[in-house]
Amino acid sequence: MTLLDKAQSLLALHEAPDLLTVVNVWDPISARVVAEEPGTTALATASHSIAASFGYDDGENIPLALHLEAIQRIVAATELPVSADLEAGYGDVGETIRRAIGVGVVGANIEDQLKPLDEAVRGVEAALKAGEAEGIRFVLNARTDAFVRGGERTPEENLDDAVARGSAYLAAGAPVVFVPGKLDEAQVSTLVEAFGPQRLSLIAVPGSLPLARLQELGVARVSYGPWSQRVALTALQDLVRVVHEGGALPAGTRALN
């Protein structure tokens, strides 16, 4: 597919009534393993996982050039559309999106980090304009940190802020709003009602609502952030413990590379 084809496909997957699930990847082999599983229609990177694989902490500590190089290798490993986690945009959202499109990305998460709303909206607009300049409708997963950075605020205050911010990002042209956090059914329902069906993106964490229920509520997308890498590393750690205890490789281990 061309870049335009991939962008249109990714947007259609968000707008479809079926819930889009993306198990996040961090390198070419994780990308191939996920992409080759039946039912996988798109890939999403995880900034935390990519940074960790190079020995960096999350939070734009990995240099942007290295981050984009890692993403480019993921894009090259699949024909599926790829959405990238680009943190808060590395200080220049529009330029970072332009460079990401240059390595084949057609969508991205951009954090608002609870910046003043007008500043955050300008970031959304810059991301979308970068896509227009490259001839695509960029699938911005406009992230609000209302819950994860809510601090001492009440859950009600966090929800009100998420609604206000998400509504502003949609008005600025973002196709979907990402509200990470462990949300209950009432909170998810309020967000879907405020944004409209197939406009809310969530992250799965331990104790999250079941996927089937999220689809019923009208959620567009669920991603897994660093949890997919944590699952893989947990399996690796378990293997080490078994080996140290004199055990054998787990039955059913597959050659996936």
Protein backbone atom coordinates (compact mmCIF):
# COMPACT_ATOMS: atom_id res chain seq x y z
CA MET A 1 0.00 0.00 0.00
CA THR A 2 1.04 3.59 -0.57
CA LEU A 3 1.36 6.00 2.32
CA LEU A 4 -2.02 7.47 1.38
CA ASP A 5 -3.58 4.00 1.31
CA LYS A 6 -2.19 3.22 4.76
CA ALA A 7 -3.45 6.52 6.20
CA GLN A 8 -6.93 5.93 4.78
CA SER A 9 -6.94 2.35 6.06
CA LEU A 10 -5.89 3.39 9.57
CA LEU A 11 -8.57 6.07 9.71
CA ALA A 12 -11.23 3.62 8.51
CA LEU A 13 -10.21 1.13 11.22
CA HIS A 14 -10.81 3.79 13.88
CA GLU A 15 -14.15 4.82 12.41
CA ALA A 16 -15.50 1.27 11.98
CA PRO A 17 -17.97 -0.04 14.59
CA ASP A 18 -15.65 -2.96 15.39
CA LEU A 19 -13.20 -2.15 18.17
CA LEU A 20 -9.64 -1.65 16.90
CA THR A 21 -7.13 -3.43 19.16
CA VAL A 22 -3.41 -2.75 18.79
CA VAL A 23 -0.89 -4.80 20.77
CA ASN A 24 2.05 -2.38 20.87
CA VAL A 25 5.43 -3.31 19.40
CA TRP A 26 8.95 -2.02 19.91
CA ASP A 27 11.27 -3.61 17.31
CA PRO A 28 11.08 -5.46 13.97
CA ILE A 29 10.67 -8.96 15.43
CA SER A 30 7.86 -7.93 17.78
CA ALA A 31 6.27 -6.12 14.82
CA ARG A 32 6.43 -9.24 12.62
CA VAL A 33 5.08 -11.52 15.35
CA VAL A 34 2.10 -9.25 16.00
CA ALA A 35 1.47 -8.43 12.33
CA GLU A 36 1.42 -12.09 11.28
CA GLU A 37 -1.29 -13.05 13.76
CA PRO A 38 -4.71 -13.36 12.08
CA GLY A 39 -6.93 -10.44 12.99
CA THR A 40 -4.13 -7.87 13.26
CA THR A 41 -5.05 -4.91 11.04
CA ALA A 42 -2.65 -2.20 12.23
CA LEU A 43 0.40 -1.77 14.43
CA ALA A 44 1.23 0.79 17.10
CA THR A 45 4.60 1.44 18.69
CA ALA A 46 5.17 2.04 22.41
CA SER A 47 7.60 4.83 23.28
CA HIS A 48 8.28 3.37 26.73
CA SER A 49 9.19 0.00 25.22
CA ILE A 50 11.38 1.44 22.45
CA ALA A 51 13.23 3.63 24.94
CA ALA A 52 13.73 0.69 27.31
CA SER A 53 15.13 -1.49 24.53
CA PHE A 54 17.90 1.12 24.05
CA GLY A 55 18.49 1.64 27.77
CA TYR A 56 16.63 4.93 28.14
CA ASP A 57 13.87 5.94 30.53
CA ASP A 58 10.56 7.01 29.02
CA GLY A 59 9.83 10.71 28.67
CA GLU A 60 11.70 11.84 25.53
CA ASN A 61 15.03 10.69 26.96
CA ILE A 62 15.77 8.61 23.87
CA PRO A 63 17.04 10.97 21.13
CA LEU A 64 14.41 11.64 18.49
CA ALA A 65 16.67 10.52 15.64
CA LEU A 66 17.23 7.15 17.33
CA HIS A 67 13.55 6.84 18.18
CA LEU A 68 12.56 7.48 14.57
CA GLU A 69 15.17 5.05 13.29
CA ALA A 70 13.66 2.34 15.49
CA ILE A 71 10.19 3.20 14.20
CA GLN A 72 11.42 3.11 10.60
CA ARG A 73 12.65 -0.46 11.13
CA ILE A 74 9.22 -1.40 12.47
CA VAL A 75 7.49 0.17 9.47
CA ALA A 76 9.81 -1.76 7.14
CA ALA A 77 8.90 -5.05 8.84
CA THR A 78 5.19 -4.91 7.87
CA GLU A 79 2.77 -3.85 5.18
CA LEU A 80 0.23 -2.80 7.80
CA PRO A 81 -0.36 0.85 8.72
CA VAL A 82 1.70 1.97 11.71
CA SER A 83 0.75 4.48 14.39
CA ALA A 84 3.66 5.75 16.51
CA ASP A 85 3.84 6.87 20.11
CA LEU A 86 5.78 10.15 19.83
CA GLU A 87 5.38 11.25 23.46
CA ALA A 88 4.76 15.02 23.59
CA GLY A 89 6.29 15.76 20.19
CA TYR A 90 9.86 16.50 21.26
CA GLY A 91 9.33 20.25 21.49
CA ASP A 92 8.04 20.75 17.94
CA VAL A 93 4.96 18.69 17.20
CA GLY A 94 4.64 19.65 13.55
CA GLU A 95 8.28 18.93 12.70
CA THR A 96 8.27 15.65 14.62
CA ILE A 97 5.15 14.49 12.78
CA ARG A 98 6.70 15.53 9.45
CA ARG A 99 9.78 13.44 10.21
CA ALA A 100 7.65 10.52 11.38
CA ILE A 101 5.67 10.57 8.14
CA GLY A 102 9.01 10.54 6.37
CA VAL A 103 9.78 7.11 7.85
CA GLY A 104 6.34 5.77 6.91
CA VAL A 105 4.16 6.51 9.94
CA VAL A 106 0.52 7.44 9.24
CA GLY A 107 -0.75 8.05 12.77
CA ALA A 108 0.59 8.96 16.20
CA ASN A 109 -0.10 9.60 19.86
CA ILE A 110 0.85 13.07 21.08
CA GLU A 111 0.57 13.80 24.83
CA ASP A 112 -0.81 17.10 26.05
CA GLN A 113 0.92 16.74 29.46
CA LEU A 114 -1.81 19.05 30.78
CA LYS A 115 -0.29 22.04 29.01
CA PRO A 116 -2.56 25.11 28.76
CA LEU A 117 -5.43 24.15 26.49
CA ASP A 118 -4.70 26.71 23.77
CA GLU A 119 -1.10 25.48 23.55
CA ALA A 120 -2.23 21.86 23.38
CA VAL A 121 -4.74 22.67 20.62
CA ARG A 122 -1.99 24.36 18.61
CA GLY A 123 -0.03 21.11 18.85
CA VAL A 124 -3.00 19.17 17.46
CA GLU A 125 -3.34 21.66 14.61
CA ALA A 126 0.39 21.46 13.84
CA ALA A 127 0.27 17.67 13.66
CA LEU A 128 -2.67 17.69 11.26
CA LYS A 129 -1.12 20.40 9.08
CA ALA A 130 2.05 18.31 8.81
CA GLY A 131 -0.04 15.46 7.48
CA GLU A 132 -1.82 17.73 4.98
CA ALA A 133 1.54 19.00 3.74
CA GLU A 134 2.57 15.40 3.04
CA GLY A 135 -0.71 14.65 1.25
CA ILE A 136 -2.39 12.46 3.89
CA ARG A 137 -5.08 12.71 6.57
CA PHE A 138 -2.83 11.97 9.52
CA VAL A 139 -4.56 9.81 12.15
CA LEU A 140 -3.72 11.77 15.27
CA ASN A 141 -4.57 9.93 18.48
CA ALA A 142 -4.68 13.17 20.47
CA ARG A 143 -3.81 12.21 24.02
CA THR A 144 -4.98 14.01 27.12
CA ASP A 145 -3.24 13.23 30.39
CA ALA A 146 -6.19 14.40 32.47
CA PHE A 147 -6.23 11.17 34.47
CA VAL A 148 -2.57 10.08 34.47
CA ARG A 149 -1.37 13.54 35.52
CA GLY A 150 -4.46 14.52 37.49
CA GLY A 151 -2.53 14.55 40.75
CA GLU A 152 -4.61 15.65 43.69
CA ARG A 153 -7.72 16.40 41.65
CA THR A 154 -10.87 14.40 42.18
CA PRO A 155 -11.94 11.79 39.60
CA GLU A 156 -14.82 14.09 38.69
CA GLU A 157 -12.42 16.97 38.00
CA ASN A 158 -10.22 14.70 35.89
CA LEU A 159 -13.22 13.53 33.88
CA ASP A 160 -14.45 17.08 33.30
CA ASP A 161 -10.99 18.10 32.12
CA ALA A 162 -10.73 15.07 29.81
CA VAL A 163 -14.08 15.98 28.25
CA ALA A 164 -13.08 19.61 27.76
CA ARG A 165 -9.68 18.82 26.32
CA GLY A 166 -10.82 15.96 24.13
CA SER A 167 -13.70 18.01 22.74
CA ALA A 168 -11.28 20.81 21.87
CA TYR A 169 -8.93 18.40 20.07
CA LEU A 170 -11.80 16.92 18.07
CA ALA A 171 -12.96 20.44 17.15
CA ALA A 172 -9.42 21.15 15.94
CA GLY A 173 -9.66 18.16 13.59
CA ALA A 174 -8.24 15.20 15.51
CA PRO A 175 -10.10 12.04 14.48
CA VAL A 176 -9.74 10.34 17.86
CA VAL A 177 -8.86 11.24 21.46
CA PHE A 178 -6.71 9.04 23.69
CA VAL A 179 -7.57 9.09 27.40
CA PRO A 180 -5.18 6.73 29.23
CA GLY A 181 -5.92 5.58 32.74
CA LYS A 182 -7.89 2.89 34.54
CA LEU A 183 -11.41 4.10 33.75
CA ASP A 184 -14.67 2.65 34.99
CA GLU A 185 -17.76 2.10 32.86
CA ALA A 186 -19.43 5.34 33.89
CA GLN A 187 -16.33 7.35 32.94
CA VAL A 188 -16.01 5.60 29.58
CA SER A 189 -19.71 6.16 28.87
CA THR A 190 -19.42 9.86 29.69
CA LEU A 191 -16.44 10.25 27.36
CA VAL A 192 -18.15 8.40 24.49
CA GLU A 193 -21.28 10.51 24.97
CA ALA A 194 -19.20 13.70 24.90
CA PHE A 195 -17.01 12.77 21.92
CA GLY A 196 -19.38 10.55 19.94
CA PRO A 197 -18.99 6.85 19.07
CA GLN A 198 -15.68 5.69 17.59
CA ARG A 199 -13.85 8.81 18.79
CA LEU A 200 -12.41 7.52 22.09
CA SER A 201 -9.15 5.60 22.41
CA LEU A 202 -8.14 3.80 25.62
CA ILE A 203 -5.26 1.76 27.03
CA ALA A 204 -5.77 -1.67 28.55
CA VAL A 205 -4.32 -2.05 32.03
CA PRO A 206 -4.85 -4.75 34.66
CA GLY A 207 -8.48 -4.48 35.73
CA SER A 208 -9.71 -2.64 32.63
CA LEU A 209 -13.20 -3.24 31.30
CA PRO A 210 -13.53 -6.25 28.95
CA LEU A 211 -12.96 -5.54 25.26
CA ALA A 212 -16.45 -6.75 24.34
CA ARG A 213 -18.00 -4.21 26.71
CA LEU A 214 -15.80 -1.39 25.38
CA GLN A 215 -17.00 -2.18 21.87
CA GLU A 216 -20.61 -2.10 23.06
CA LEU A 217 -19.98 1.32 24.62
CA GLY A 218 -18.66 2.74 21.33
CA VAL A 219 -14.92 2.92 22.01
CA ALA A 220 -12.82 3.21 18.85
CA ARG A 221 -9.48 1.74 19.89
CA VAL A 222 -7.69 -0.05 22.70
CA SER A 223 -3.89 -0.24 22.86
CA TYR A 224 -1.55 -1.93 25.32
CA GLY A 225 1.34 0.50 25.72
CA PRO A 226 4.31 -1.00 27.58
CA TRP A 227 2.27 -3.96 28.80
CA SER A 228 3.03 -6.11 25.75
CA GLN A 229 6.76 -5.77 26.36
CA ARG A 230 6.21 -6.47 30.05
CA VAL A 231 4.40 -9.70 29.14
CA ALA A 232 7.36 -10.74 26.97
CA LEU A 233 9.92 -9.84 29.61
CA THR A 234 7.92 -11.66 32.29
CA ALA A 235 8.10 -14.81 30.14
CA LEU A 236 11.85 -14.31 29.76
CA GLN A 237 12.32 -13.85 33.50
CA ASP A 238 10.26 -16.95 34.18
CA LEU A 239 12.48 -18.93 31.78
CA VAL A 240 15.60 -17.78 33.59
CA ARG A 241 14.16 -18.92 36.92
CA VAL A 242 13.21 -22.31 35.46
CA VAL A 243 16.72 -22.75 34.03
CA HIS A 244 18.35 -21.81 37.33
CA GLU A 245 16.20 -24.44 38.99
CA GLY A 246 17.36 -27.07 36.50
CA GLY A 247 14.20 -27.09 34.40
CA ALA A 248 13.59 -27.30 30.67
CA LEU A 249 12.26 -25.00 28.00
CA PRO A 250 8.49 -24.51 28.25
CA ALA A 251 6.45 -26.96 26.21
CA GLY A 252 4.89 -25.33 23.18
CA THR A 253 7.67 -22.80 22.63
CA ARG A 254 7.51 -21.72 18.99
CA ALA A 255 10.10 -20.47 16.51
CA LEU A 256 8.64 -17.07 15.57
CA ASN A 257 11.57 -15.42 13.83
